Amino acid sequence: NHADALEMTEAAERAGLVNMVNLTYRNSPAIQRAREMVLDGAIGELRHVEAAYRQSWLVGRTWGDWRVEDKWLWRLSSAHGSTGVLGDVGIHILDFATYGAAQEIASLRADLVTFPKIEGDRIGNYALDANDSVAITARLSGGALATIVATRYATGHLNDLSLMLHGTRGALRVTTGIDSASLSACLGHDVDVPVWRDVPLQSTRRNAQRFIDALRTGINGDPSFRRAADMQRIIDSAFESDRCGRSIELPYGSGEFDGSVGMDTEGLGESPALPD
């Protein structure tokens, strides 16, 4: 939870220790380039954001069969430590959305759903009660409206993230999968048609490389413990919103978007945050 994450953060900062968290999809050149374009004003003022993390392991068996494998069953059972899809991949899509938008979440309302899977929703000592899908409606710190969703029932999507950024002068579309990334844009005169064009991508400096840089220089990198703690506060607030059925206002967090967004020579390469 956020309290524990904040305790870790403050302890590391007091001790002057380098601290980073491997938010895997920061390694995507598409999200890095999209963020640069947003900060450069390429799409004007941000108005509308749509972000999604889609997995399908509850309907497909590419990664195995959740009905008979403990590595999946525990993810469906709160008694075994699961906090559902929100707790599992929520930090990734929340970071992906807010990092790409270069804004933070000011308020949110969340809806969590646990779908029936088998009769009695129990397999052995696993009660299948963890959330399977989450939908968050949020207002961002710059005023934009955002919808952020994650699900394990996205039939046809193995492990895909997407982000749409719509502004007053244009729009960006980001997609990232297990071994692919793409960015397309609708800008300038193309807005009137409309036409989307692919944006060339260069390789981005990876989290592991930035962490090594931080160890060598003593200058902390991003995403840091504090950034991850800010994301955990959003997750906690989403659970609270679902429980109480109302919107939750949040402080803007650390305002920490100071990580390297420069392009370098290493490719996407690393596997995404797949279940163990």
C-alpha atoms as a PDB file:
ATOM      1  CA  ASN A   1       0.000   0.000   0.000  1.00  0.00           C
ATOM      2  CA  HIS A   2       0.951   3.650  -0.228  1.00  0.00           C
ATOM      3  CA  ALA A   3       1.954   3.942   3.427  1.00  0.00           C
ATOM      4  CA  ASP A   4       4.503   1.145   3.081  1.00  0.00           C
ATOM      5  CA  ALA A   5       5.757   2.478  -0.254  1.00  0.00           C
ATOM      6  CA  LEU A   6       6.173   5.953   1.219  1.00  0.00           C
ATOM      7  CA  GLU A   7       8.051   4.547   4.213  1.00  0.00           C
ATOM      8  CA  MET A   8      10.509   2.820   1.853  1.00  0.00           C
ATOM      9  CA  THR A   9      10.831   5.979  -0.223  1.00  0.00           C
ATOM     10  CA  GLU A  10      11.578   8.256   2.700  1.00  0.00           C
ATOM     11  CA  ALA A  11      14.048   5.777   4.201  1.00  0.00           C
ATOM     12  CA  ALA A  12      15.976   5.588   0.926  1.00  0.00           C
ATOM     13  CA  GLU A  13      15.948   9.360   0.513  1.00  0.00           C
ATOM     14  CA  ARG A  14      17.110   9.967   4.102  1.00  0.00           C
ATOM     15  CA  ALA A  15      19.968   7.539   3.583  1.00  0.00           C
ATOM     16  CA  GLY A  16      20.917   9.166   0.296  1.00  0.00           C
ATOM     17  CA  LEU A  17      20.576   5.853  -1.539  1.00  0.00           C
ATOM     18  CA  VAL A  18      20.022   5.528  -5.262  1.00  0.00           C
ATOM     19  CA  ASN A  19      16.566   4.030  -5.749  1.00  0.00           C
ATOM     20  CA  MET A  20      14.626   3.091  -8.862  1.00  0.00           C
ATOM     21  CA  VAL A  21      11.717   0.816  -9.814  1.00  0.00           C
ATOM     22  CA  ASN A  22      11.632  -1.148 -13.056  1.00  0.00           C
ATOM     23  CA  LEU A  23       8.379   0.105 -14.565  1.00  0.00           C
ATOM     24  CA  THR A  24       8.972  -2.039 -17.617  1.00  0.00           C
ATOM     25  CA  TYR A  25       7.104  -0.091 -20.257  1.00  0.00           C
ATOM     26  CA  ARG A  26       9.313   2.972 -19.808  1.00  0.00           C
ATOM     27  CA  ASN A  27      11.639   0.883 -22.007  1.00  0.00           C
ATOM     28  CA  SER A  28       9.281   1.399 -24.947  1.00  0.00           C
ATOM     29  CA  PRO A  29      10.640   3.915 -27.480  1.00  0.00           C
ATOM     30  CA  ALA A  30       7.036   4.716 -28.442  1.00  0.00           C
ATOM     31  CA  ILE A  31       6.038   6.063 -25.026  1.00  0.00           C
ATOM     32  CA  GLN A  32       9.282   8.002 -24.702  1.00  0.00           C
ATOM     33  CA  ARG A  33       8.825   9.693 -28.082  1.00  0.00           C
ATOM     34  CA  ALA A  34       5.143  10.388 -27.404  1.00  0.00           C
ATOM     35  CA  ARG A  35       6.012  12.119 -24.147  1.00  0.00           C
ATOM     36  CA  GLU A  36       8.628  14.246 -25.894  1.00  0.00           C
ATOM     37  CA  MET A  37       6.075  15.315 -28.497  1.00  0.00           C
ATOM     38  CA  VAL A  38       3.505  16.198 -25.825  1.00  0.00           C
ATOM     39  CA  LEU A  39       6.061  18.295 -23.943  1.00  0.00           C
ATOM     40  CA  ASP A  40       7.107  19.984 -27.198  1.00  0.00           C
ATOM     41  CA  GLY A  41       3.490  21.052 -27.779  1.00  0.00           C
ATOM     42  CA  ALA A  42       3.004  18.945 -30.909  1.00  0.00           C
ATOM     43  CA  ILE A  43      -0.640  18.154 -30.094  1.00  0.00           C
ATOM     44  CA  GLY A  44      -1.476  21.436 -28.382  1.00  0.00           C
ATOM     45  CA  GLU A  45      -3.351  21.377 -25.085  1.00  0.00           C
ATOM     46  CA  LEU A  46      -4.245  17.876 -23.952  1.00  0.00           C
ATOM     47  CA  ARG A  47      -7.987  17.296 -23.741  1.00  0.00           C
ATOM     48  CA  HIS A  48      -8.746  13.557 -23.766  1.00  0.00           C
ATOM     49  CA  VAL A  49      -6.729  10.453 -22.849  1.00  0.00           C
ATOM     50  CA  GLU A  50      -7.556   6.767 -23.281  1.00  0.00           C
ATOM     51  CA  ALA A  51      -5.256   4.087 -21.862  1.00  0.00           C
ATOM     52  CA  ALA A  52      -5.683   0.313 -21.752  1.00  0.00           C
ATOM     53  CA  TYR A  53      -3.763  -2.728 -20.554  1.00  0.00           C
ATOM     54  CA  ARG A  54      -5.204  -5.848 -22.174  1.00  0.00           C
ATOM     55  CA  GLN A  55      -4.422  -9.436 -21.218  1.00  0.00           C
ATOM     56  CA  SER A  56      -6.412 -12.552 -22.107  1.00  0.00           C
ATOM     57  CA  TRP A  57      -5.112 -15.381 -19.923  1.00  0.00           C
ATOM     58  CA  LEU A  58      -8.575 -15.970 -18.450  1.00  0.00           C
ATOM     59  CA  VAL A  59      -9.867 -16.932 -21.908  1.00  0.00           C
ATOM     60  CA  GLY A  60      -6.734 -18.143 -23.732  1.00  0.00           C
ATOM     61  CA  ARG A  61      -4.106 -20.728 -22.794  1.00  0.00           C
ATOM     62  CA  THR A  62      -0.987 -19.282 -24.411  1.00  0.00           C
ATOM     63  CA  TRP A  63       0.623 -18.908 -20.981  1.00  0.00           C
ATOM     64  CA  GLY A  64      -1.042 -21.970 -19.451  1.00  0.00           C
ATOM     65  CA  ASP A  65      -4.371 -22.953 -17.878  1.00  0.00           C
ATOM     66  CA  TRP A  66      -5.435 -20.956 -14.829  1.00  0.00           C
ATOM     67  CA  ARG A  67      -7.821 -23.730 -13.784  1.00  0.00           C
ATOM     68  CA  VAL A  68      -5.012 -26.140 -12.911  1.00  0.00           C
ATOM     69  CA  GLU A  69      -1.860 -24.042 -12.385  1.00  0.00           C
ATOM     70  CA  ASP A  70      -1.059 -22.418  -9.054  1.00  0.00           C
ATOM     71  CA  LYS A  71       0.921 -19.614 -10.723  1.00  0.00           C
ATOM     72  CA  TRP A  72      -2.395 -18.361 -12.125  1.00  0.00           C
ATOM     73  CA  LEU A  73      -4.830 -19.415  -9.415  1.00  0.00           C
ATOM     74  CA  TRP A  74      -3.193 -17.321  -6.709  1.00  0.00           C
ATOM     75  CA  ARG A  75      -3.700 -14.239  -8.882  1.00  0.00           C
ATOM     76  CA  LEU A  76      -7.448 -14.829  -8.658  1.00  0.00           C
ATOM     77  CA  SER A  77      -7.628 -15.262  -4.869  1.00  0.00           C
ATOM     78  CA  SER A  78      -7.377 -12.445  -2.334  1.00  0.00           C
ATOM     79  CA  ALA A  79      -6.666 -14.969   0.438  1.00  0.00           C
ATOM     80  CA  HIS A  80      -3.488 -15.900  -1.428  1.00  0.00           C
ATOM     81  CA  GLY A  81      -2.272 -12.315  -1.678  1.00  0.00           C
ATOM     82  CA  SER A  82      -3.855 -11.162  -4.925  1.00  0.00           C
ATOM     83  CA  THR A  83      -5.293  -7.682  -5.361  1.00  0.00           C
ATOM     84  CA  GLY A  84      -6.559  -8.552  -8.820  1.00  0.00           C
ATOM     85  CA  VAL A  85      -5.757  -6.980 -12.132  1.00  0.00           C
ATOM     86  CA  LEU A  86      -5.559  -3.535 -10.519  1.00  0.00           C
ATOM     87  CA  GLY A  87      -2.882  -4.638  -8.078  1.00  0.00           C
ATOM     88  CA  ASP A  88      -1.102  -6.789 -10.661  1.00  0.00           C
ATOM     89  CA  VAL A  89      -0.711  -4.517 -13.687  1.00  0.00           C
ATOM     90  CA  GLY A  90      -2.380  -1.302 -12.531  1.00  0.00           C
ATOM     91  CA  ILE A  91       0.910   0.426 -11.737  1.00  0.00           C
ATOM     92  CA  HIS A  92       2.117  -0.195 -15.287  1.00  0.00           C
ATOM     93  CA  ILE A  93      -0.880   1.287 -17.104  1.00  0.00           C
ATOM     94  CA  LEU A  94      -1.180   4.190 -14.647  1.00  0.00           C
ATOM     95  CA  ASP A  95       2.470   5.078 -15.167  1.00  0.00           C
ATOM     96  CA  PHE A  96       2.170   4.539 -18.929  1.00  0.00           C
ATOM     97  CA  ALA A  97      -0.813   6.891 -19.138  1.00  0.00           C
ATOM     98  CA  THR A  98       0.417   9.687 -16.897  1.00  0.00           C
ATOM     99  CA  TYR A  99       4.015   9.555 -18.107  1.00  0.00           C
ATOM    100  CA  GLY A 100       2.898   9.734 -21.727  1.00  0.00           C
ATOM    101  CA  ALA A 101       0.446  12.532 -20.971  1.00  0.00           C
ATOM    102  CA  ALA A 102       3.062  14.368 -18.861  1.00  0.00           C
ATOM    103  CA  GLN A 103       0.323  15.064 -16.322  1.00  0.00           C
ATOM    104  CA  GLU A 104      -0.724  13.541 -13.033  1.00  0.00           C
ATOM    105  CA  ILE A 105      -4.099  12.344 -11.781  1.00  0.00           C
ATOM    106  CA  ALA A 106      -6.007  14.969  -9.804  1.00  0.00           C
ATOM    107  CA  SER A 107      -9.171  12.951  -9.142  1.00  0.00           C
ATOM    108  CA  LEU A 108     -10.600   9.583 -10.088  1.00  0.00           C
ATOM    109  CA  ARG A 109     -13.562   7.281  -9.913  1.00  0.00           C
ATOM    110  CA  ALA A 110     -13.024   3.537 -10.264  1.00  0.00           C
ATOM    111  CA  ASP A 111     -15.172   0.485 -10.925  1.00  0.00           C
ATOM    112  CA  LEU A 112     -13.768  -2.996 -10.197  1.00  0.00           C
ATOM    113  CA  VAL A 113     -15.478  -6.154 -11.431  1.00  0.00           C
ATOM    114  CA  THR A 114     -14.973  -9.808 -10.544  1.00  0.00           C
ATOM    115  CA  PHE A 115     -16.698 -12.081 -13.042  1.00  0.00           C
ATOM    116  CA  PRO A 116     -18.048 -15.576 -12.320  1.00  0.00           C
ATOM    117  CA  LYS A 117     -15.684 -18.212 -13.727  1.00  0.00           C
ATOM    118  CA  ILE A 118     -16.819 -21.607 -12.490  1.00  0.00           C
ATOM    119  CA  GLU A 119     -19.652 -22.902 -10.323  1.00  0.00           C
ATOM    120  CA  GLY A 120     -19.108 -21.722  -6.775  1.00  0.00           C
ATOM    121  CA  ASP A 121     -16.115 -19.610  -7.827  1.00  0.00           C
ATOM    122  CA  ARG A 122     -13.726 -21.853  -5.931  1.00  0.00           C
ATOM    123  CA  ILE A 123     -11.011 -24.304  -6.954  1.00  0.00           C
ATOM    124  CA  GLY A 124      -9.665 -26.248  -3.978  1.00  0.00           C
ATOM    125  CA  ASN A 125      -8.640 -23.683  -1.378  1.00  0.00           C
ATOM    126  CA  TYR A 126      -8.619 -20.855  -3.937  1.00  0.00           C
ATOM    127  CA  ALA A 127     -11.650 -18.565  -3.653  1.00  0.00           C
ATOM    128  CA  LEU A 128     -11.795 -16.752  -7.007  1.00  0.00           C
ATOM    129  CA  ASP A 129     -12.692 -13.326  -5.651  1.00  0.00           C
ATOM    130  CA  ALA A 130      -9.991 -10.958  -6.983  1.00  0.00           C
ATOM    131  CA  ASN A 131     -10.992  -8.300  -9.522  1.00  0.00           C
ATOM    132  CA  ASP A 132     -10.686  -9.213 -13.212  1.00  0.00           C
ATOM    133  CA  SER A 133     -11.354  -5.816 -14.815  1.00  0.00           C
ATOM    134  CA  VAL A 134     -10.995  -2.201 -13.728  1.00  0.00           C
ATOM    135  CA  ALA A 135     -12.202   1.010 -15.326  1.00  0.00           C
ATOM    136  CA  ILE A 136     -10.980   4.357 -14.015  1.00  0.00           C
ATOM    137  CA  THR A 137     -12.290   7.755 -15.067  1.00  0.00           C
ATOM    138  CA  ALA A 138      -9.873  10.502 -14.073  1.00  0.00           C
ATOM    139  CA  ARG A 139      -9.282  14.217 -14.349  1.00  0.00           C
ATOM    140  CA  LEU A 140      -5.646  15.079 -14.932  1.00  0.00           C
ATOM    141  CA  SER A 141      -3.679  17.916 -13.395  1.00  0.00           C
ATOM    142  CA  GLY A 142      -3.894  19.948 -16.620  1.00  0.00           C
ATOM    143  CA  GLY A 143      -7.661  19.477 -16.916  1.00  0.00           C
ATOM    144  CA  ALA A 144      -7.806  16.624 -19.434  1.00  0.00           C
ATOM    145  CA  LEU A 145     -10.293  13.785 -19.020  1.00  0.00           C
ATOM    146  CA  ALA A 146      -8.815  10.277 -18.967  1.00  0.00           C
ATOM    147  CA  THR A 147     -10.172   6.752 -19.063  1.00  0.00           C
ATOM    148  CA  ILE A 148      -7.782   4.043 -17.888  1.00  0.00           C
ATOM    149  CA  VAL A 149      -8.745   0.379 -18.074  1.00  0.00           C
ATOM    150  CA  ALA A 150      -7.128  -2.996 -17.435  1.00  0.00           C
ATOM    151  CA  THR A 151      -8.528  -6.485 -17.871  1.00  0.00           C
ATOM    152  CA  ARG A 152      -7.647 -10.170 -18.028  1.00  0.00           C
ATOM    153  CA  TYR A 153     -10.601 -10.777 -20.348  1.00  0.00           C
ATOM    154  CA  ALA A 154      -9.334  -8.919 -23.430  1.00  0.00           C
ATOM    155  CA  THR A 155      -9.841 -11.805 -25.833  1.00  0.00           C
ATOM    156  CA  GLY A 156      -7.363 -11.618 -28.695  1.00  0.00           C
ATOM    157  CA  HIS A 157      -4.789  -9.547 -26.779  1.00  0.00           C
ATOM    158  CA  LEU A 158      -1.944 -11.443 -25.151  1.00  0.00           C
ATOM    159  CA  ASN A 159      -0.228  -8.582 -23.310  1.00  0.00           C
ATOM    160  CA  ASP A 160      -0.854  -5.214 -24.958  1.00  0.00           C
ATOM    161  CA  LEU A 161      -0.796  -1.603 -23.793  1.00  0.00           C
ATOM    162  CA  SER A 162      -2.279   1.291 -25.724  1.00  0.00           C
ATOM    163  CA  LEU A 163      -2.509   5.030 -25.171  1.00  0.00           C
ATOM    164  CA  MET A 164      -4.444   7.679 -27.096  1.00  0.00           C
ATOM    165  CA  LEU A 165      -3.578  11.326 -26.487  1.00  0.00           C
ATOM    166  CA  HIS A 166      -5.956  13.869 -28.042  1.00  0.00           C
ATOM    167  CA  GLY A 167      -5.078  17.565 -28.015  1.00  0.00           C
ATOM    168  CA  THR A 168      -6.289  20.827 -29.508  1.00  0.00           C
ATOM    169  CA  ARG A 169      -3.812  20.595 -32.412  1.00  0.00           C
ATOM    170  CA  GLY A 170      -3.393  16.871 -32.959  1.00  0.00           C
ATOM    171  CA  ALA A 171      -3.339  13.383 -31.507  1.00  0.00           C
ATOM    172  CA  LEU A 172      -0.944  10.523 -30.778  1.00  0.00           C
ATOM    173  CA  ARG A 173      -1.549   6.775 -30.689  1.00  0.00           C
ATOM    174  CA  VAL A 174       0.893   4.559 -28.767  1.00  0.00           C
ATOM    175  CA  THR A 175       0.889   0.759 -28.771  1.00  0.00           C
ATOM    176  CA  THR A 176       3.284  -1.559 -26.989  1.00  0.00           C
ATOM    177  CA  GLY A 177       3.234  -5.356 -26.924  1.00  0.00           C
ATOM    178  CA  ILE A 178       5.524  -8.155 -25.848  1.00  0.00           C
ATOM    179  CA  ASP A 179       8.092  -7.496 -28.566  1.00  0.00           C
ATOM    180  CA  SER A 180       6.779  -4.502 -30.482  1.00  0.00           C
ATOM    181  CA  ALA A 181       6.099  -0.793 -30.150  1.00  0.00           C
ATOM    182  CA  SER A 182       4.563   1.773 -32.482  1.00  0.00           C
ATOM    183  CA  LEU A 183       3.622   5.444 -32.493  1.00  0.00           C
ATOM    184  CA  SER A 184       1.392   7.224 -34.977  1.00  0.00           C
ATOM    185  CA  ALA A 185       0.264  10.835 -35.133  1.00  0.00           C
ATOM    186  CA  CYS A 186      -2.476  12.957 -36.641  1.00  0.00           C
ATOM    187  CA  LEU A 187      -1.033  16.469 -36.862  1.00  0.00           C
ATOM    188  CA  GLY A 188      -1.287  19.699 -38.835  1.00  0.00           C
ATOM    189  CA  HIS A 189      -3.373  19.476 -42.018  1.00  0.00           C
ATOM    190  CA  ASP A 190      -3.933  15.756 -41.371  1.00  0.00           C
ATOM    191  CA  VAL A 191      -6.374  16.724 -38.615  1.00  0.00           C
ATOM    192  CA  ASP A 192      -8.866  17.908 -41.256  1.00  0.00           C
ATOM    193  CA  VAL A 193      -8.825  14.659 -43.246  1.00  0.00           C
ATOM    194  CA  PRO A 194      -8.076  12.860 -40.834  1.00  0.00           C
ATOM    195  CA  VAL A 195      -4.911  10.887 -41.613  1.00  0.00           C
ATOM    196  CA  TRP A 196      -2.610   9.074 -39.212  1.00  0.00           C
ATOM    197  CA  ARG A 197       1.086   8.700 -40.004  1.00  0.00           C
ATOM    198  CA  ASP A 198       3.731   6.506 -38.387  1.00  0.00           C
ATOM    199  CA  VAL A 199       6.310   8.353 -36.307  1.00  0.00           C
ATOM    200  CA  PRO A 200       9.886   7.026 -36.672  1.00  0.00           C
ATOM    201  CA  LEU A 201      11.283   5.630 -33.435  1.00  0.00           C
ATOM    202  CA  GLN A 202      14.813   5.380 -32.152  1.00  0.00           C
ATOM    203  CA  SER A 203      15.914   3.005 -29.424  1.00  0.00           C
ATOM    204  CA  THR A 204      15.541   4.330 -25.908  1.00  0.00           C
ATOM    205  CA  ARG A 205      17.851   4.115 -22.930  1.00  0.00           C
ATOM    206  CA  ARG A 206      16.527   1.350 -20.740  1.00  0.00           C
ATOM    207  CA  ASN A 207      15.670   1.366 -17.033  1.00  0.00           C
ATOM    208  CA  ALA A 208      18.580  -0.948 -16.209  1.00  0.00           C
ATOM    209  CA  GLN A 209      21.009   1.342 -18.009  1.00  0.00           C
ATOM    210  CA  ARG A 210      19.655   4.404 -16.225  1.00  0.00           C
ATOM    211  CA  PHE A 211      19.974   2.578 -12.910  1.00  0.00           C
ATOM    212  CA  ILE A 212      23.629   1.787 -13.625  1.00  0.00           C
ATOM    213  CA  ASP A 213      24.154   5.433 -14.587  1.00  0.00           C
ATOM    214  CA  ALA A 214      22.608   6.486 -11.269  1.00  0.00           C
ATOM    215  CA  LEU A 215      24.868   4.140  -9.311  1.00  0.00           C
ATOM    216  CA  ARG A 216      27.913   5.527 -11.086  1.00  0.00           C
ATOM    217  CA  THR A 217      27.009   9.195 -10.713  1.00  0.00           C
ATOM    218  CA  GLY A 218      25.103   9.105  -7.429  1.00  0.00           C
ATOM    219  CA  ILE A 219      22.300  11.073  -9.109  1.00  0.00           C
ATOM    220  CA  ASN A 220      18.990   9.284  -8.738  1.00  0.00           C
ATOM    221  CA  GLY A 221      17.127   8.239 -11.860  1.00  0.00           C
ATOM    222  CA  ASP A 222      13.495   7.831 -12.808  1.00  0.00           C
ATOM    223  CA  PRO A 223      11.225   5.935 -12.230  1.00  0.00           C
ATOM    224  CA  SER A 224      12.186   6.255  -8.583  1.00  0.00           C
ATOM    225  CA  PHE A 225      10.698   4.861  -5.385  1.00  0.00           C
ATOM    226  CA  ARG A 226       8.790   8.134  -5.014  1.00  0.00           C
ATOM    227  CA  ARG A 227       7.271   7.828  -8.472  1.00  0.00           C
ATOM    228  CA  ALA A 228       6.174   4.262  -7.695  1.00  0.00           C
ATOM    229  CA  ALA A 229       4.772   5.392  -4.336  1.00  0.00           C
ATOM    230  CA  ASP A 230       2.724   8.030  -6.154  1.00  0.00           C
ATOM    231  CA  MET A 231       1.334   5.303  -8.423  1.00  0.00           C
ATOM    232  CA  GLN A 232       0.526   3.150  -5.379  1.00  0.00           C
ATOM    233  CA  ARG A 233      -1.426   6.049  -3.885  1.00  0.00           C
ATOM    234  CA  ILE A 234      -3.529   6.114  -7.070  1.00  0.00           C
ATOM    235  CA  ILE A 235      -4.115   2.359  -6.817  1.00  0.00           C
ATOM    236  CA  ASP A 236      -5.174   2.662  -3.169  1.00  0.00           C
ATOM    237  CA  SER A 237      -7.506   5.514  -4.131  1.00  0.00           C
ATOM    238  CA  ALA A 238      -9.044   3.405  -6.900  1.00  0.00           C
ATOM    239  CA  PHE A 239      -9.847   0.644  -4.405  1.00  0.00           C
ATOM    240  CA  GLU A 240     -11.334   3.244  -2.051  1.00  0.00           C
ATOM    241  CA  SER A 241     -13.415   4.768  -4.849  1.00  0.00           C
ATOM    242  CA  ASP A 242     -14.828   1.373  -5.775  1.00  0.00           C
ATOM    243  CA  ARG A 243     -15.690   0.602  -2.147  1.00  0.00           C
ATOM    244  CA  CYS A 244     -17.421   3.904  -1.430  1.00  0.00           C
ATOM    245  CA  GLY A 245     -18.875   4.546  -4.897  1.00  0.00           C
ATOM    246  CA  ARG A 246     -17.609   8.105  -5.260  1.00  0.00           C
ATOM    247  CA  SER A 247     -14.804  10.154  -6.756  1.00  0.00           C
ATOM    248  CA  ILE A 248     -11.549  10.559  -4.852  1.00  0.00           C
ATOM    249  CA  GLU A 249      -9.365  13.655  -5.068  1.00  0.00           C
ATOM    250  CA  LEU A 250      -5.597  13.210  -4.983  1.00  0.00           C
ATOM    251  CA  PRO A 251      -2.643  15.511  -4.411  1.00  0.00           C
ATOM    252  CA  TYR A 252      -0.536  15.766  -7.527  1.00  0.00           C
ATOM    253  CA  GLY A 253       2.174  13.587  -5.999  1.00  0.00           C
ATOM    254  CA  SER A 254       5.839  14.359  -6.362  1.00  0.00           C
ATOM    255  CA  GLY A 255       5.510  16.116  -9.704  1.00  0.00           C
ATOM    256  CA  GLU A 256       8.505  13.968 -10.569  1.00  0.00           C
ATOM    257  CA  PHE A 257       8.813  13.547 -14.293  1.00  0.00           C
ATOM    258  CA  ASP A 258      12.542  14.167 -14.414  1.00  0.00           C
ATOM    259  CA  GLY A 259      13.729  10.860 -15.830  1.00  0.00           C
ATOM    260  CA  SER A 260      15.776  10.547 -18.984  1.00  0.00           C
ATOM    261  CA  VAL A 261      13.661  10.664 -22.121  1.00  0.00           C
ATOM    262  CA  GLY A 262      16.619  10.900 -24.466  1.00  0.00           C
ATOM    263  CA  MET A 263      17.158   8.334 -27.197  1.00  0.00           C
ATOM    264  CA  ASP A 264      20.056   5.912 -27.114  1.00  0.00           C
ATOM    265  CA  THR A 265      21.340   2.813 -28.836  1.00  0.00           C
ATOM    266  CA  GLU A 266      19.638  -0.101 -27.119  1.00  0.00           C
ATOM    267  CA  GLY A 267      16.474  -1.704 -28.501  1.00  0.00           C
ATOM    268  CA  LEU A 268      13.220  -2.632 -26.836  1.00  0.00           C
ATOM    269  CA  GLY A 269      14.405  -6.168 -26.164  1.00  0.00           C
ATOM    270  CA  GLU A 270      13.417  -6.876 -22.573  1.00  0.00           C
ATOM    271  CA  SER A 271      10.334  -8.955 -21.918  1.00  0.00           C
ATOM    272  CA  PRO A 272       7.419  -7.008 -20.418  1.00  0.00           C
ATOM    273  CA  ALA A 273       5.958  -7.520 -16.969  1.00  0.00           C
ATOM    274  CA  LEU A 274       4.491 -10.939 -17.592  1.00  0.00           C
ATOM    275  CA  PRO A 275       3.158 -13.093 -14.761  1.00  0.00           C
ATOM    276  CA  ASP A 276       5.684 -15.420 -13.137  1.00  0.00           C
END
